[in-house]
Amino acid sequence: MNFMYIIKVKGKAKIPDYIQIRDENFVLVAYFRADRPMKNVEKFGLEGKEEALEALIRDLPFGKLQKLEL
């Protein structure tokens, strides 16, 4: 995978906030709750970067697609 994109989606009412990770063709490769750690990060080449990913998610504005650079 060359690069990926990340976006934080604001939940409504009882639906929690979610994170989407998409590949360079915008195909959804991961979708998980923003308040829970991502599982199987090695599947996406992000092993060892969990803390950086958590910090990025915490500071990520809602609805702004950006390149995932860790």
N, C-alpha and C. Protein backbone atom coordinates (compact mmCIF):
# COMPACT_ATOMS: atom_id res chain seq x y z
N MET A 1 0.84 -1.18 0.00
CA MET A 1 0.00 0.00 0.00
C MET A 1 0.88 1.24 0.00
N ASN A 2 0.66 2.13 -0.91
CA ASN A 2 1.48 3.33 -1.00
C ASN A 2 1.21 4.30 0.13
N PHE A 3 0.00 4.74 0.27
CA PHE A 3 -0.37 5.64 1.35
C PHE A 3 -1.84 5.44 1.68
N MET A 4 -2.25 5.99 2.82
CA MET A 4 -3.63 5.86 3.26
C MET A 4 -4.15 7.22 3.71
N TYR A 5 -5.46 7.30 3.79
CA TYR A 5 -6.14 8.50 4.29
C TYR A 5 -6.89 8.15 5.56
N ILE A 6 -7.10 9.15 6.40
CA ILE A 6 -7.84 8.95 7.64
C ILE A 6 -8.86 10.08 7.79
N ILE A 7 -10.02 9.72 8.32
CA ILE A 7 -11.07 10.71 8.58
C ILE A 7 -11.80 10.32 9.86
N LYS A 8 -12.15 11.32 10.67
CA LYS A 8 -12.94 11.09 11.87
C LYS A 8 -14.37 11.53 11.58
N VAL A 9 -15.31 10.61 11.83
CA VAL A 9 -16.72 10.85 11.54
C VAL A 9 -17.46 11.05 12.86
N LYS A 10 -18.17 12.17 12.98
CA LYS A 10 -18.91 12.50 14.20
C LYS A 10 -20.16 11.65 14.29
N GLY A 11 -20.32 10.99 15.44
CA GLY A 11 -21.53 10.21 15.68
C GLY A 11 -22.68 11.12 16.10
N LYS A 12 -23.88 10.58 16.06
CA LYS A 12 -25.07 11.34 16.46
C LYS A 12 -25.87 10.50 17.45
N ALA A 13 -26.42 11.16 18.45
CA ALA A 13 -27.25 10.50 19.47
C ALA A 13 -26.48 9.33 20.09
N LYS A 14 -26.95 8.11 19.88
CA LYS A 14 -26.31 6.94 20.50
C LYS A 14 -25.21 6.34 19.63
N ILE A 15 -25.00 6.88 18.46
CA ILE A 15 -23.96 6.37 17.56
C ILE A 15 -22.64 7.06 17.91
N PRO A 16 -21.59 6.29 18.22
CA PRO A 16 -20.32 6.90 18.62
C PRO A 16 -19.54 7.48 17.43
N ASP A 17 -18.50 8.24 17.77
CA ASP A 17 -17.59 8.76 16.74
C ASP A 17 -16.80 7.58 16.16
N TYR A 18 -16.55 7.63 14.86
CA TYR A 18 -15.81 6.56 14.19
C TYR A 18 -14.64 7.11 13.40
N ILE A 19 -13.69 6.23 13.15
CA ILE A 19 -12.51 6.52 12.33
C ILE A 19 -12.58 5.64 11.10
N GLN A 20 -12.31 6.23 9.95
CA GLN A 20 -12.20 5.46 8.71
C GLN A 20 -10.77 5.61 8.20
N ILE A 21 -10.19 4.51 7.78
CA ILE A 21 -8.89 4.54 7.10
C ILE A 21 -9.13 3.98 5.71
N ARG A 22 -8.70 4.75 4.71
CA ARG A 22 -8.91 4.38 3.32
C ARG A 22 -7.58 4.33 2.58
N ASP A 23 -7.51 3.48 1.57
CA ASP A 23 -6.26 3.37 0.81
C ASP A 23 -6.20 4.47 -0.25
N GLU A 24 -5.17 4.42 -1.10
CA GLU A 24 -4.96 5.48 -2.09
C GLU A 24 -6.09 5.58 -3.11
N ASN A 25 -6.90 4.52 -3.24
CA ASN A 25 -8.06 4.54 -4.14
C ASN A 25 -9.36 4.83 -3.38
N PHE A 26 -9.22 5.26 -2.13
CA PHE A 26 -10.34 5.59 -1.24
C PHE A 26 -11.18 4.38 -0.88
N VAL A 27 -10.63 3.18 -1.02
CA VAL A 27 -11.33 1.97 -0.59
C VAL A 27 -11.19 1.87 0.92
N LEU A 28 -12.29 1.61 1.61
CA LEU A 28 -12.29 1.49 3.06
C LEU A 28 -11.49 0.27 3.49
N VAL A 29 -10.44 0.47 4.29
CA VAL A 29 -9.63 -0.65 4.76
C VAL A 29 -9.76 -0.87 6.26
N ALA A 30 -10.24 0.14 7.00
CA ALA A 30 -10.47 -0.02 8.43
C ALA A 30 -11.54 0.97 8.87
N TYR A 31 -12.36 0.51 9.82
CA TYR A 31 -13.45 1.32 10.34
C TYR A 31 -13.60 0.93 11.79
N PHE A 32 -13.39 1.86 12.72
CA PHE A 32 -13.44 1.51 14.13
C PHE A 32 -13.85 2.72 14.96
N ARG A 33 -14.29 2.45 16.19
CA ARG A 33 -14.71 3.52 17.07
C ARG A 33 -13.51 4.36 17.47
N ALA A 34 -13.71 5.66 17.56
CA ALA A 34 -12.63 6.58 17.90
C ALA A 34 -12.17 6.41 19.35
N ASP A 35 -13.05 5.92 20.21
CA ASP A 35 -12.71 5.77 21.62
C ASP A 35 -12.16 4.40 21.98
N ARG A 36 -11.98 3.54 21.00
CA ARG A 36 -11.42 2.21 21.25
C ARG A 36 -10.18 2.02 20.38
N PRO A 37 -9.19 1.36 20.93
CA PRO A 37 -7.97 1.16 20.14
C PRO A 37 -8.22 0.28 18.91
N MET A 38 -7.51 0.59 17.87
CA MET A 38 -7.62 -0.18 16.63
C MET A 38 -6.96 -1.53 16.83
N LYS A 39 -7.61 -2.59 16.35
CA LYS A 39 -7.05 -3.93 16.44
C LYS A 39 -6.44 -4.31 15.10
N ASN A 40 -5.52 -5.25 15.14
CA ASN A 40 -4.88 -5.76 13.92
C ASN A 40 -4.16 -4.67 13.13
N VAL A 41 -3.47 -3.77 13.82
CA VAL A 41 -2.78 -2.68 13.12
C VAL A 41 -1.68 -3.20 12.19
N GLU A 42 -1.14 -4.38 12.50
CA GLU A 42 -0.09 -4.93 11.65
C GLU A 42 -0.62 -5.24 10.25
N LYS A 43 -1.92 -5.48 10.14
CA LYS A 43 -2.55 -5.76 8.85
C LYS A 43 -2.43 -4.55 7.91
N PHE A 44 -2.28 -3.36 8.50
CA PHE A 44 -2.21 -2.14 7.71
C PHE A 44 -0.83 -1.52 7.71
N GLY A 45 0.16 -2.25 8.24
CA GLY A 45 1.53 -1.74 8.27
C GLY A 45 1.74 -0.66 9.32
N LEU A 46 0.93 -0.67 10.38
CA LEU A 46 1.02 0.37 11.41
C LEU A 46 1.53 -0.17 12.74
N GLU A 47 2.07 -1.39 12.77
CA GLU A 47 2.56 -1.93 14.02
C GLU A 47 3.70 -1.06 14.56
N GLY A 48 3.68 -0.87 15.88
CA GLY A 48 4.68 -0.01 16.51
C GLY A 48 4.31 1.46 16.47
N LYS A 49 3.20 1.80 15.83
CA LYS A 49 2.79 3.20 15.69
C LYS A 49 1.46 3.46 16.40
N GLU A 50 1.08 2.56 17.31
CA GLU A 50 -0.21 2.67 17.98
C GLU A 50 -0.35 3.97 18.76
N GLU A 51 0.69 4.36 19.50
CA GLU A 51 0.62 5.59 20.30
C GLU A 51 0.50 6.81 19.40
N ALA A 52 1.25 6.85 18.32
CA ALA A 52 1.17 7.98 17.38
C ALA A 52 -0.21 8.02 16.73
N LEU A 53 -0.78 6.86 16.42
CA LEU A 53 -2.11 6.79 15.82
C LEU A 53 -3.16 7.30 16.80
N GLU A 54 -3.06 6.88 18.07
CA GLU A 54 -4.00 7.35 19.09
C GLU A 54 -3.93 8.86 19.26
N ALA A 55 -2.72 9.42 19.27
CA ALA A 55 -2.56 10.88 19.41
C ALA A 55 -3.15 11.59 18.19
N LEU A 56 -2.92 11.04 17.01
CA LEU A 56 -3.47 11.63 15.79
C LEU A 56 -5.00 11.64 15.84
N ILE A 57 -5.58 10.52 16.24
CA ILE A 57 -7.04 10.40 16.31
C ILE A 57 -7.61 11.40 17.32
N ARG A 58 -6.95 11.55 18.45
CA ARG A 58 -7.42 12.47 19.49
C ARG A 58 -7.46 13.91 18.96
N ASP A 59 -6.47 14.30 18.17
CA ASP A 59 -6.36 15.68 17.68
C ASP A 59 -6.99 15.91 16.31
N LEU A 60 -7.46 14.86 15.67
CA LEU A 60 -8.01 14.94 14.32
C LEU A 60 -9.35 15.67 14.32
N PRO A 61 -9.52 16.69 13.48
CA PRO A 61 -10.82 17.38 13.41
C PRO A 61 -11.84 16.47 12.71
N PHE A 62 -13.09 16.63 13.08
CA PHE A 62 -14.14 15.83 12.46
C PHE A 62 -14.35 16.24 11.00
N GLY A 63 -14.56 15.23 10.15
CA GLY A 63 -14.95 15.47 8.77
C GLY A 63 -13.85 15.95 7.85
N LYS A 64 -12.60 15.99 8.31
CA LYS A 64 -11.51 16.46 7.46
C LYS A 64 -10.64 15.28 7.04
N LEU A 65 -10.75 14.91 5.77
CA LEU A 65 -9.95 13.82 5.23
C LEU A 65 -8.50 14.28 5.13
N GLN A 66 -7.58 13.48 5.65
CA GLN A 66 -6.18 13.85 5.51
C GLN A 66 -5.34 12.61 5.28
N LYS A 67 -4.18 12.82 4.71
CA LYS A 67 -3.24 11.75 4.45
C LYS A 67 -2.75 11.21 5.79
N LEU A 68 -2.70 9.90 5.93
CA LEU A 68 -2.23 9.27 7.16
C LEU A 68 -0.70 9.22 7.11
N GLU A 69 -0.07 10.05 7.92
CA GLU A 69 1.38 10.11 7.95
C GLU A 69 1.84 9.94 9.39
N LEU A 70 2.42 8.78 9.69
CA LEU A 70 2.91 8.51 11.05
C LEU A 70 4.40 8.25 11.02
